[in-house]
Protein backbone atom coordinates (compact mmCIF):
# COMPACT_ATOMS: atom_id res chain seq x y z
CA MET A 1 28.07 29.78 -29.43
CA SER A 2 31.55 28.89 -30.63
CA ARG A 3 32.21 25.18 -31.88
CA THR A 4 35.44 23.31 -31.73
CA CYS A 5 35.94 21.51 -35.22
CA GLY A 6 38.92 19.13 -35.58
CA LYS A 7 40.71 20.59 -32.34
CA ARG A 8 42.52 17.93 -30.55
CA LEU A 9 41.83 17.82 -26.70
CA ASP A 10 44.67 17.26 -24.45
CA THR A 11 44.33 13.69 -23.05
CA GLU A 12 46.29 12.09 -20.22
CA VAL A 13 49.42 10.34 -21.51
CA GLU A 14 48.43 7.08 -19.96
CA LEU A 15 45.03 7.19 -21.71
CA LYS A 16 46.67 7.33 -25.20
CA PRO A 17 47.43 4.33 -27.38
CA TYR A 18 50.79 3.99 -28.86
CA VAL A 19 52.75 1.88 -31.49
CA GLY A 20 53.90 -1.25 -29.78
CA GLN A 21 51.06 -1.24 -27.01
CA VAL A 22 50.25 -4.88 -26.26
CA PHE A 23 46.90 -6.19 -24.88
CA PRO A 24 46.26 -9.77 -23.80
CA SER A 25 42.71 -9.76 -25.70
CA TYR A 26 40.88 -7.96 -28.31
CA ASN A 27 38.28 -7.01 -25.71
CA GLU A 28 40.86 -5.39 -23.57
CA ALA A 29 42.22 -3.50 -26.41
CA LEU A 30 38.68 -2.29 -27.44
CA ALA A 31 37.84 -1.31 -23.86
CA PHE A 32 41.20 0.69 -23.69
CA TYR A 33 40.45 2.64 -26.92
CA ARG A 34 36.93 3.21 -25.86
CA GLU A 35 38.20 4.69 -22.69
CA TYR A 36 40.66 6.95 -24.50
CA ALA A 37 37.75 8.07 -26.99
CA ARG A 38 35.44 8.96 -23.96
CA ASN A 39 38.12 11.10 -22.45
CA SER A 40 39.12 12.73 -25.64
CA GLY A 41 35.52 13.87 -26.92
CA PHE A 42 34.52 11.26 -29.64
CA GLU A 43 32.52 8.35 -30.19
CA ILE A 44 33.81 4.99 -31.67
CA ARG A 45 32.30 1.67 -33.22
CA LYS A 46 33.67 -1.44 -33.95
CA ALA A 47 34.56 -1.53 -37.67
CA THR A 48 34.47 -4.43 -39.99
CA THR A 49 37.68 -6.65 -39.81
CA GLU A 50 38.89 -8.47 -42.54
CA GLN A 51 41.64 -11.13 -42.53
CA SER A 52 45.02 -9.95 -44.00
CA LYS A 53 46.40 -11.73 -47.19
CA LYS A 54 49.50 -12.86 -45.13
CA GLY A 55 47.16 -14.42 -42.64
CA ASP A 56 48.89 -13.01 -39.56
CA GLY A 57 46.37 -10.72 -38.32
CA TYR A 58 43.64 -8.31 -39.24
CA SER A 59 43.36 -4.93 -41.04
CA HIS A 60 42.51 -3.00 -38.11
CA ARG A 61 44.29 -0.92 -35.44
CA TYR A 62 45.33 -3.97 -33.53
CA ILE A 63 46.62 -7.36 -34.96
CA VAL A 64 47.45 -10.71 -33.40
CA ASN A 65 51.03 -11.68 -33.10
CA ASP A 66 52.43 -15.12 -32.82
CA GLU A 67 51.91 -14.97 -29.03
CA ASN A 68 48.26 -14.49 -29.51
CA LEU A 69 48.61 -10.94 -28.10
CA TRP A 70 47.07 -7.96 -29.42
CA VAL A 71 49.35 -5.39 -30.63
CA VAL A 72 49.20 -1.56 -31.68
CA LYS A 73 50.78 -1.39 -35.24
CA TYR A 74 49.41 2.11 -36.10
CA PHE A 75 48.01 4.95 -34.39
CA GLU A 76 46.79 8.22 -35.92
CA GLU A 77 45.92 10.78 -33.34
CA LYS A 78 44.62 13.41 -35.76
CA HIS A 79 40.71 13.63 -36.42
CA THR A 80 39.00 14.91 -39.56
CA HIS A 81 35.61 15.19 -37.70
CA GLU A 82 34.38 17.56 -35.09
CA LEU A 83 35.29 16.93 -31.34
CA VAL A 84 33.00 17.58 -28.53
CA ASN A 85 33.52 20.28 -26.11
CA PRO A 86 34.59 19.08 -22.71
CA GLU A 87 31.41 20.30 -21.01
CA ASP A 88 29.42 18.15 -23.46
CA PHE A 89 31.31 14.95 -22.71
CA VAL A 90 28.31 13.87 -20.34
CA PHE A 91 26.17 13.47 -23.54
CA LEU A 92 28.53 11.09 -25.22
CA LYS A 93 26.84 7.80 -25.91
CA SER A 94 29.98 5.99 -24.25
CA ASN A 95 29.57 8.41 -21.25
CA LYS A 96 25.74 7.85 -20.85
CA ARG A 97 25.65 4.84 -18.49
CA LEU A 98 24.16 3.99 -15.25
CA THR A 99 26.53 2.57 -12.46
CA TYR A 100 25.60 -0.50 -10.42
CA HIS A 101 24.40 1.49 -7.38
CA GLN A 102 22.30 3.87 -9.65
CA LYS A 103 20.79 0.97 -11.18
CA GLN A 104 19.87 -0.33 -7.83
CA LEU A 105 18.53 2.99 -6.64
CA VAL A 106 16.37 3.04 -9.71
CA ASN A 107 15.10 -0.58 -8.88
CA ASP A 108 14.66 0.34 -5.32
CA VAL A 109 12.43 3.56 -5.60
CA SER A 110 10.28 1.76 -8.26
CA ASP A 111 8.98 -0.44 -5.28
CA ILE A 112 7.24 2.80 -3.85
CA ASN A 113 5.81 3.69 -7.28
CA ILE A 114 8.53 6.06 -8.55
CA GLY A 115 8.94 5.59 -12.21
CA PRO A 116 12.21 6.08 -14.02
CA VAL A 117 11.84 9.69 -15.00
CA ARG A 118 11.22 10.50 -11.23
CA ALA A 119 14.16 8.15 -10.36
CA PHE A 120 16.38 10.22 -12.67
CA LYS A 121 15.47 13.38 -10.80
CA ILE A 122 16.35 11.60 -7.62
CA LEU A 123 19.80 10.70 -8.88
CA LYS A 124 20.38 14.35 -9.76
CA GLN A 125 19.13 15.48 -6.23
CA THR A 126 21.57 13.01 -4.59
CA GLN A 127 24.58 13.46 -6.93
CA GLY A 128 24.73 17.26 -7.05
CA GLY A 129 23.37 17.73 -10.48
CA PHE A 130 22.43 16.19 -13.83
CA VAL A 131 25.98 16.10 -15.17
CA ASN A 132 27.08 14.14 -12.37
CA VAL A 133 24.62 11.45 -13.00
CA GLY A 134 26.57 10.22 -15.91
CA ALA A 135 23.36 9.36 -17.73
CA THR A 136 20.02 10.85 -18.92
CA GLU A 137 16.43 9.85 -18.22
CA ILE A 138 16.56 7.59 -21.32
CA GLU A 139 19.01 5.21 -19.69
CA CYS A 140 16.50 4.99 -16.77
CA LYS A 141 13.65 4.18 -18.92
CA ASN A 142 15.71 1.73 -20.82
CA LEU A 143 16.61 0.06 -17.44
CA LYS A 144 12.96 -0.49 -17.02
CA ARG A 145 12.55 -1.58 -20.45
CA ASP A 146 15.37 -4.10 -20.05
CA MET A 147 13.56 -5.40 -16.64
CA ILE A 148 10.07 -6.07 -18.56
CA THR A 149 11.96 -7.80 -21.47
CA TYR A 150 13.68 -10.07 -18.80
CA ILE A 151 10.21 -10.77 -17.25
CA GLY A 152 8.91 -11.86 -20.53
CA GLU A 153 6.29 -14.66 -20.33
CA SER A 154 7.76 -15.91 -16.92
CA ASP A 155 5.81 -13.43 -15.02
CA ALA A 156 3.32 -15.82 -13.39
CA ASP A 157 6.14 -18.49 -12.81
CA MET A 158 8.30 -15.73 -11.02
CA VAL A 159 5.41 -14.94 -8.67
CA ILE A 160 4.67 -18.60 -7.95
CA GLU A 161 8.35 -19.39 -7.20
CA LYS A 162 8.55 -16.29 -4.96
CA LEU A 163 5.50 -17.08 -3.10
CA THR A 164 6.48 -20.68 -2.68
CA LYS A 165 9.63 -19.60 -1.03
CA LYS A 166 7.63 -17.69 1.46
CA ARG A 167 5.61 -20.80 2.10
CA SER A 168 2.46 -19.20 1.24
CA ILE A 169 -0.74 -20.66 -0.18
CA TYR A 170 -0.65 -20.75 -3.89
CA THR A 171 -1.82 -22.61 -7.09
CA THR A 172 0.25 -24.10 -9.85
CA LEU A 173 -1.95 -22.06 -12.41
CA LEU A 174 -2.30 -18.47 -12.89
CA LEU A 175 -6.04 -18.48 -11.68
CA ASN A 176 -6.31 -17.49 -8.05
CA ILE A 177 -3.40 -16.59 -5.73
CA VAL A 178 -3.90 -15.92 -1.93
CA TRP A 179 -0.85 -14.41 -0.15
CA ILE A 180 -0.54 -14.66 3.66
CA VAL A 181 1.50 -11.58 4.39
CA ARG A 182 4.80 -12.36 6.11
CA GLY A 183 4.65 -11.20 9.68
CA SER A 184 0.69 -10.83 9.46
CA TYR A 185 0.51 -12.20 13.09
CA VAL A 186 -1.66 -15.46 12.76
CA GLY A 187 -1.53 -15.60 16.44
CA TYR A 188 -2.51 -11.95 16.78
CA PHE A 189 -5.38 -12.49 14.61
CA GLY A 190 -6.48 -15.37 17.07
CA GLN A 191 -6.14 -12.72 19.88
CA MET A 192 -8.27 -10.18 17.98
CA LYS A 193 -10.71 -12.86 17.24
CA LYS A 194 -11.45 -13.49 21.05
CA GLN A 195 -12.05 -9.84 21.42
CA ASN A 196 -14.64 -9.65 18.40
CA VAL A 197 -12.60 -7.26 16.55
CA ILE A 198 -13.57 -6.92 12.90
CA ILE A 199 -11.62 -7.73 9.68
CA LEU A 200 -12.09 -5.17 7.00
CA TYR A 201 -12.17 -6.38 3.51
CA LEU A 202 -11.70 -4.13 0.42
CA GLU A 203 -10.90 -4.74 -3.25
CA MET A 204 -9.68 -2.94 -6.32
CA LEU A 205 -8.58 -3.53 -9.85
CA LEU A 206 -4.87 -4.64 -9.86
CA ASP A 207 -3.58 -4.73 -13.36
CA SER A 208 -4.71 -3.55 -16.83
CA MET A 209 -2.81 -6.50 -18.66
CA TYR A 210 -4.29 -9.39 -16.51
CA PHE A 211 -7.45 -7.72 -15.04
CA MET A 212 -6.91 -9.39 -11.83
CA ILE A 213 -8.85 -8.41 -8.75
CA PHE A 214 -6.64 -7.31 -5.57
CA VAL A 215 -8.35 -8.15 -2.52
CA PRO A 216 -6.60 -7.28 0.93
CA PHE A 217 -7.97 -8.62 4.29
CA SER A 218 -7.11 -5.73 6.98
CA GLY A 219 -7.91 -5.57 10.60
CA ILE A 220 -7.55 -2.92 13.29
CA ASP A 221 -4.47 -3.13 15.57
CA ASN A 222 -4.09 -2.02 19.17
CA HIS A 223 -3.21 1.39 17.80
CA LYS A 224 -6.43 1.56 16.01
CA LYS A 225 -4.53 1.63 12.76
CA CYS A 226 -5.20 -0.75 9.84
CA VAL A 227 -3.05 -3.86 9.51
CA THR A 228 -2.96 -6.21 6.54
CA PHE A 229 -3.21 -10.03 7.34
CA ALA A 230 -3.67 -11.54 3.88
CA VAL A 231 -4.23 -10.56 0.19
CA GLY A 232 -5.76 -12.20 -2.67
CA LEU A 233 -5.47 -12.01 -6.46
CA LEU A 234 -8.52 -13.17 -8.29
CA ALA A 235 -8.84 -13.85 -12.09
CA SER A 236 -12.44 -13.28 -11.77
CA GLU A 237 -15.39 -11.90 -9.55
CA SER A 238 -17.25 -14.98 -9.64
CA ILE A 239 -19.07 -16.49 -6.52
CA GLU A 240 -16.67 -19.67 -6.91
CA SER A 241 -13.45 -17.32 -6.77
CA TYR A 242 -14.59 -15.43 -3.63
CA LYS A 243 -15.59 -18.66 -1.85
CA TRP A 244 -12.09 -19.99 -2.47
CA LEU A 245 -10.38 -17.07 -1.29
CA LEU A 246 -12.57 -17.07 1.88
CA MET A 247 -11.77 -20.65 2.39
CA ALA A 248 -8.17 -20.26 1.95
CA PHE A 249 -8.15 -17.44 4.49
CA LYS A 250 -10.03 -19.67 6.95
CA SER A 251 -7.88 -22.66 6.35
CA THR A 252 -4.67 -20.49 6.91
CA PHE A 253 -5.78 -18.77 10.02
CA GLY A 254 -7.73 -21.83 11.62
CA GLN A 255 -10.74 -19.53 12.27
CA GLU A 256 -12.86 -16.78 10.86
CA PRO A 257 -13.56 -13.11 11.94
CA THR A 258 -16.45 -12.43 14.05
CA VAL A 259 -17.45 -9.51 11.69
CA LEU A 260 -16.53 -9.33 7.85
CA MET A 261 -17.19 -6.08 6.25
CA THR A 262 -17.42 -5.60 2.51
CA ASP A 263 -18.80 -3.41 -0.17
CA GLN A 264 -22.13 -4.28 -1.85
CA TYR A 265 -20.71 -6.68 -4.87
CA PRO A 266 -23.34 -9.30 -5.21
CA THR A 267 -20.91 -12.11 -5.69
CA ILE A 268 -19.28 -11.23 -2.29
CA LYS A 269 -22.60 -11.11 -0.70
CA GLN A 270 -23.51 -14.69 -1.99
CA ALA A 271 -20.08 -16.14 -1.16
CA VAL A 272 -19.81 -14.93 2.48
CA PRO A 273 -22.79 -16.82 3.86
CA THR A 274 -21.56 -20.18 2.33
CA VAL A 275 -18.06 -19.88 4.19
CA PHE A 276 -18.26 -17.78 7.12
CA LEU A 277 -21.92 -17.65 8.48
CA PRO A 278 -23.56 -18.11 10.89
CA SER A 279 -20.36 -17.23 13.51
CA CYS A 280 -19.44 -14.49 11.39
CA ARG A 281 -21.57 -11.32 10.86
CA HIS A 282 -21.36 -9.69 7.37
CA ARG A 283 -21.49 -6.03 7.51
CA LEU A 284 -21.56 -3.66 4.39
CA CYS A 285 -19.44 -0.70 4.34
CA MET A 286 -21.24 2.52 5.36
CA TRP A 287 -18.79 4.72 3.49
CA HIS A 288 -19.57 3.14 -0.04
CA ILE A 289 -23.29 3.27 0.73
CA SER A 290 -23.20 7.13 1.92
CA GLN A 291 -21.26 7.90 -1.22
CA LYS A 292 -24.35 7.13 -3.39
CA PHE A 293 -26.69 9.53 -1.53
CA THR A 294 -26.14 12.37 -3.97
CA ASP A 295 -26.74 10.39 -6.88
CA LYS A 296 -29.77 8.50 -5.54
CA LEU A 297 -31.47 11.55 -4.00
CA GLY A 298 -31.75 13.18 -7.58
CA SER A 299 -33.90 16.43 -7.47
CA HIS A 300 -34.43 15.90 -4.03
CA MET A 301 -30.84 17.12 -3.24
CA SER A 302 -32.10 20.74 -3.58
CA LYS A 303 -34.18 20.38 -0.42
CA THR A 304 -32.73 22.16 2.41
CA GLY A 305 -30.89 20.06 5.14
CA LEU A 306 -32.02 16.60 3.79
CA LEU A 307 -28.39 15.30 3.18
CA LYS A 308 -27.03 16.75 6.53
CA ARG A 309 -30.16 15.03 8.41
CA LEU A 310 -29.36 11.69 6.65
CA ASN A 311 -25.74 11.68 7.57
CA ASN A 312 -26.33 12.72 11.11
CA LEU A 313 -28.82 9.80 11.39
CA ILE A 314 -26.93 7.09 9.87
CA TRP A 315 -23.40 7.89 11.69
CA ASN A 316 -25.24 8.15 14.97
CA GLU A 317 -23.80 5.15 16.96
CA ARG A 318 -25.43 6.14 20.21
CA ILE A 319 -28.99 5.68 19.23
CA SER A 320 -30.97 2.35 19.37
CA ALA A 321 -32.41 0.51 16.50
CA SER A 322 -35.91 1.46 17.26
CA GLU A 323 -34.75 5.15 17.23
CA PHE A 324 -33.19 4.91 13.91
CA ASP A 325 -36.31 3.29 12.45
CA ILE A 326 -38.39 6.24 13.74
CA GLU A 327 -36.15 8.89 12.61
CA TRP A 328 -35.45 7.27 9.10
CA GLN A 329 -39.33 7.11 8.60
CA SER A 330 -39.72 10.64 9.48
CA ILE A 331 -37.12 11.71 7.07
CA MET A 332 -38.83 9.80 4.27
CA ASP A 333 -42.09 11.20 5.14
CA GLU A 334 -40.88 15.00 5.44
CA TYR A 335 -38.90 14.85 2.18
CA ASP A 336 -41.26 12.54 0.25
CA LEU A 337 -38.98 9.76 -0.27
CA ASN A 338 -41.29 6.73 0.37
CA ASN A 339 -41.37 5.79 -3.08
CA ASN A 340 -37.68 5.87 -3.81
CA ASN A 341 -36.72 2.22 -4.45
CA TRP A 342 -32.93 2.45 -3.53
CA PHE A 343 -33.74 3.98 0.03
CA ASN A 344 -36.28 1.46 0.52
CA LYS A 345 -33.74 -1.37 -0.25
CA MET A 346 -31.30 0.17 2.01
CA PHE A 347 -33.75 0.40 4.92
CA ALA A 348 -34.75 -3.25 4.31
CA ILE A 349 -31.07 -4.20 4.83
CA ARG A 350 -30.37 -1.73 7.71
CA ASP A 351 -29.18 -4.52 9.85
CA LYS A 352 -26.11 -4.94 7.53
CA TRP A 353 -24.84 -1.27 7.73
CA ILE A 354 -26.16 0.86 10.25
CA PRO A 355 -24.32 1.25 13.59
CA ALA A 356 -27.36 1.01 15.58
CA TYR A 357 -27.61 -2.59 14.67
CA PHE A 358 -24.25 -3.45 15.64
CA GLN A 359 -24.04 -2.24 19.16
CA ASP A 360 -23.70 -5.85 20.47
CA CYS A 361 -20.46 -6.09 18.76
CA HIS A 362 -17.18 -4.92 19.65
CA LEU A 363 -15.78 -3.32 16.39
CA SER A 364 -12.61 -1.54 17.77
CA GLY A 365 -13.27 1.86 16.17
CA LEU A 366 -15.00 0.57 12.93
CA MET A 367 -18.43 1.26 14.12
CA GLN A 368 -18.14 4.58 11.86
CA THR A 369 -16.04 3.78 8.84
CA THR A 370 -15.85 7.11 7.30
CA SER A 371 -12.29 7.24 6.38
CA ARG A 372 -10.97 3.61 6.64
CA PRO A 373 -11.98 2.33 3.18
CA GLU A 374 -10.50 5.67 1.53
CA GLY A 375 -7.55 5.58 3.60
CA GLU A 376 -6.75 1.95 2.70
CA ASN A 377 -7.33 2.46 -0.89
CA TYR A 378 -4.99 5.54 -0.80
CA PHE A 379 -2.34 3.66 0.91
CA TYR A 380 -2.34 0.63 -1.67
CA GLU A 381 -2.67 3.10 -4.49
CA LEU A 382 0.61 5.08 -3.17
CA MET A 383 2.43 1.68 -3.80
CA THR A 384 0.97 0.33 -6.80
CA ASN A 385 -0.33 0.94 -10.09
CA ALA A 386 -2.27 -0.77 -12.70
CA ASP A 387 0.33 -1.17 -15.32
CA LEU A 388 2.59 -3.39 -13.16
CA HIS A 389 3.51 -6.82 -13.88
CA LEU A 390 2.53 -9.47 -11.19
CA ILE A 391 5.95 -9.82 -10.11
CA GLU A 392 6.54 -6.12 -9.76
CA PHE A 393 3.26 -6.05 -7.85
CA VAL A 394 4.51 -8.68 -5.41
CA SER A 395 7.84 -6.31 -4.99
CA HIS A 396 5.81 -3.08 -4.41
CA PHE A 397 3.36 -4.84 -2.05
CA GLU A 398 6.26 -6.08 0.04
CA THR A 399 7.54 -2.61 0.39
CA ALA A 400 4.10 -1.34 1.43
CA MET A 401 4.01 -4.02 4.12
CA GLU A 402 7.37 -3.04 5.27
CA ALA A 403 6.13 0.52 5.82
CA GLN A 404 3.12 -0.72 7.57
CA ARG A 405 4.83 -2.86 9.82
CA PHE A 406 7.60 -0.21 10.74
CA VAL A 407 4.86 2.31 11.72
CA GLN A 408 3.27 -0.48 13.97
CA ARG A 409 6.74 -1.01 15.48
CA LYS A 410 7.15 2.67 15.97
CA ASN A 411 3.72 2.96 17.87
CA ASN A 412 4.65 -0.16 20.05
CA HIS A 413 7.76 1.62 20.96
CA GLU A 414 6.30 5.02 21.69
CA SER A 415 3.51 3.21 23.92
CA ARG A 416 5.90 0.97 25.61
CA TYR A 417 8.62 3.58 26.58
CA THR A 418 6.98 6.97 26.93
CA ASN A 419 4.45 7.90 29.57
CA PRO A 420 1.54 10.16 28.68
CA GLU A 421 0.52 13.12 30.83
CA ILE A 422 -1.84 12.39 33.63
CA ILE A 423 -4.41 15.10 34.04
CA THR A 424 -6.90 14.13 36.54
CA LYS A 425 -4.70 12.32 39.09
CA LEU A 426 -7.25 9.72 39.47
CA LEU A 427 -6.19 5.97 40.03
CA ILE A 428 -8.46 4.80 37.17
CA GLU A 429 -6.57 7.35 34.67
CA GLU A 430 -3.25 6.07 35.97
CA GLU A 431 -4.14 2.52 35.40
CA ALA A 432 -5.53 3.40 32.05
CA ALA A 433 -2.10 4.82 31.23
CA GLN A 434 -0.35 1.58 31.92
CA THR A 435 -2.93 -0.76 30.38
CA PHE A 436 -3.62 0.87 26.93
CA THR A 437 -1.66 2.00 24.01
CA GLN A 438 -1.31 5.80 23.81
CA THR A 439 -3.95 6.22 21.01
CA VAL A 440 -6.49 4.18 23.11
CA PHE A 441 -5.38 5.99 26.31
CA PHE A 442 -6.05 9.42 25.11
CA GLU A 443 -9.66 8.48 24.13
CA VAL A 444 -10.03 6.80 27.31
CA GLN A 445 -8.77 10.05 28.94
CA THR A 446 -11.07 12.15 27.11
CA GLU A 447 -14.00 9.82 28.33
CA ILE A 448 -12.68 10.29 32.08
CA MET A 449 -12.47 14.13 31.74
CA ALA A 450 -16.13 14.09 30.29
CA SER A 451 -17.38 11.95 33.17
CA MET A 452 -16.00 14.50 35.79
CA LEU A 453 -17.45 17.48 33.84
CA THR A 454 -20.62 16.52 32.19
CA TRP A 455 -21.64 13.04 33.33
CA TYR A 456 -23.42 12.66 36.74
CA SER A 457 -24.59 9.29 38.55
CA ILE A 458 -28.19 9.76 39.33
CA LYS A 459 -28.85 6.31 40.97
CA VAL A 460 -27.03 3.07 41.81
CA VAL A 461 -28.73 -0.28 42.35
CA GLU A 462 -27.09 -3.55 43.22
CA TYR A 463 -28.85 -6.91 42.72
CA ASP A 464 -27.78 -10.69 41.90
CA GLY A 465 -24.00 -9.52 41.71
CA ILE A 466 -24.74 -6.75 39.40
CA THR A 467 -24.23 -3.20 39.92
CA LYS A 468 -26.31 -0.84 37.85
CA PHE A 469 -25.44 2.84 37.48
CA SER A 470 -28.12 5.36 36.05
CA ILE A 471 -25.98 8.08 34.21
CA LYS A 472 -27.03 11.60 33.02
CA ASP A 473 -25.06 13.24 30.17
CA THR A 474 -25.60 16.96 30.16
CA ASP A 475 -23.10 17.68 27.25
CA LYS A 476 -25.38 18.99 24.44
CA ASP A 477 -22.59 19.19 21.97
CA VAL A 478 -22.49 15.50 21.42
CA LYS A 479 -24.72 13.97 19.01
CA HIS A 480 -26.96 12.02 21.32
CA PHE A 481 -27.07 13.08 25.22
CA GLY A 482 -29.57 12.35 27.89
CA ASP A 483 -29.77 9.36 30.17
CA PHE A 484 -27.96 6.16 30.22
CA GLU A 485 -27.43 3.01 32.15
CA VAL A 486 -24.19 1.07 32.91
CA SER A 487 -24.34 -2.24 34.36
CA PHE A 488 -21.24 -3.96 35.89
CA MET A 489 -21.11 -7.75 36.54
CA LYS A 490 -18.62 -8.48 39.38
CA SER A 491 -18.17 -12.24 38.71
CA ASP A 492 -16.50 -11.62 35.22
CA CYS A 493 -15.82 -7.86 35.57
CA THR A 494 -17.99 -7.34 32.28
CA VAL A 495 -19.65 -3.93 31.61
CA SER A 496 -22.65 -3.39 29.48
CA PHE A 497 -24.06 -0.02 28.22
CA SER A 498 -27.51 1.10 27.02
CA CYS A 499 -29.57 4.20 26.67
CA LEU A 500 -32.66 4.91 28.67
């Protein structure tokens, strides 16, 4: 590779200094010379300047005249050092700088958990190549560093100020924070309450610096998607912290959920009854419990069919509580698990997590919770990470909520302005298409189709304003088929369902 040493590069005349050139200030003179150097292929730095003996200026390229103007007295264009090749201008320190819009992009993408290195690659893609960015990944990293320096020790104060402006519930000390999400539909929560819709409650570690616990309150919307009503940041997992959080939630929304689902943390289990019960049922997350099966079974895992049989039992929402008890005992006997302490404890609290014990609750798709907790954790992890400062977390979380609300608006639009295909031409299907969102309608449509193909009415009995239908399901592909009883009460148009 050839190198250009001491060779003067042609620079546009208007960028060259000349003797007698006048500048109104020293900074403008220095800026002009920096631009000249940048376009000529060399770096500069401010040299030490000394007052001349005559006292009329400085021993530098520029001096002050009587009118306080800076004038070029001497200019030497030749260089004794090596100049940079034009194709390498981008690597000059004076050329490595992010524009305002580039800085804005780096900051914006950080809200979706994209770090400075990946942000630099995005700049490269959007601007046609690395050389067109005008900076390197170091400048992107430095931008992040400067932001952290600016936050300094004001992290908590910045969060409180931000949340105060949002008229959220907050504390003046950084101990606990509860944040009611903007657009969280307090009224919508009230409507869900009347329909006995569950509130899903999860938690995860937020920050490796503060060791705060992130606690989102989520529910299910009319598209059967998770929506976040509020979040809490707790400094500890004590009973008092969780009681404070639950009371803040209840105070804000003016009521409590009919069902609260959590994992098995002991402090949560002790805090819930003191705040929400007896009107709220506390349910444990089946998914978290079932994830422990492999570990708790130990050597029994080698027994053929055990894990499959357990999962088929606990996830079966169509059997009764008594049927569950019988089948559970059968599995314990067959696989010699009667002395397993963990399984005995799980059976003792079966009314807290088994679907068969929640058939009297309308759980809006959360009877089975295989993917809800995992999906919620994944959603939040995409937007956040454990190395964030508090104010960064708030910004990231707002972006996550904006994404969640946008999806809900899109689903609302599609349900409002598109008509699903009617298959059976039955009036009930057409009415369902006008009543439900598309997500719910497609499930109802499937049930309507099944009722025509595999369900048969065996007997109809009317008494005391109630019409009772005896139904036989002949579809052996479902988990539980057989005879069912459906009762319709004309006075309030309520329908109840039970297995025979």
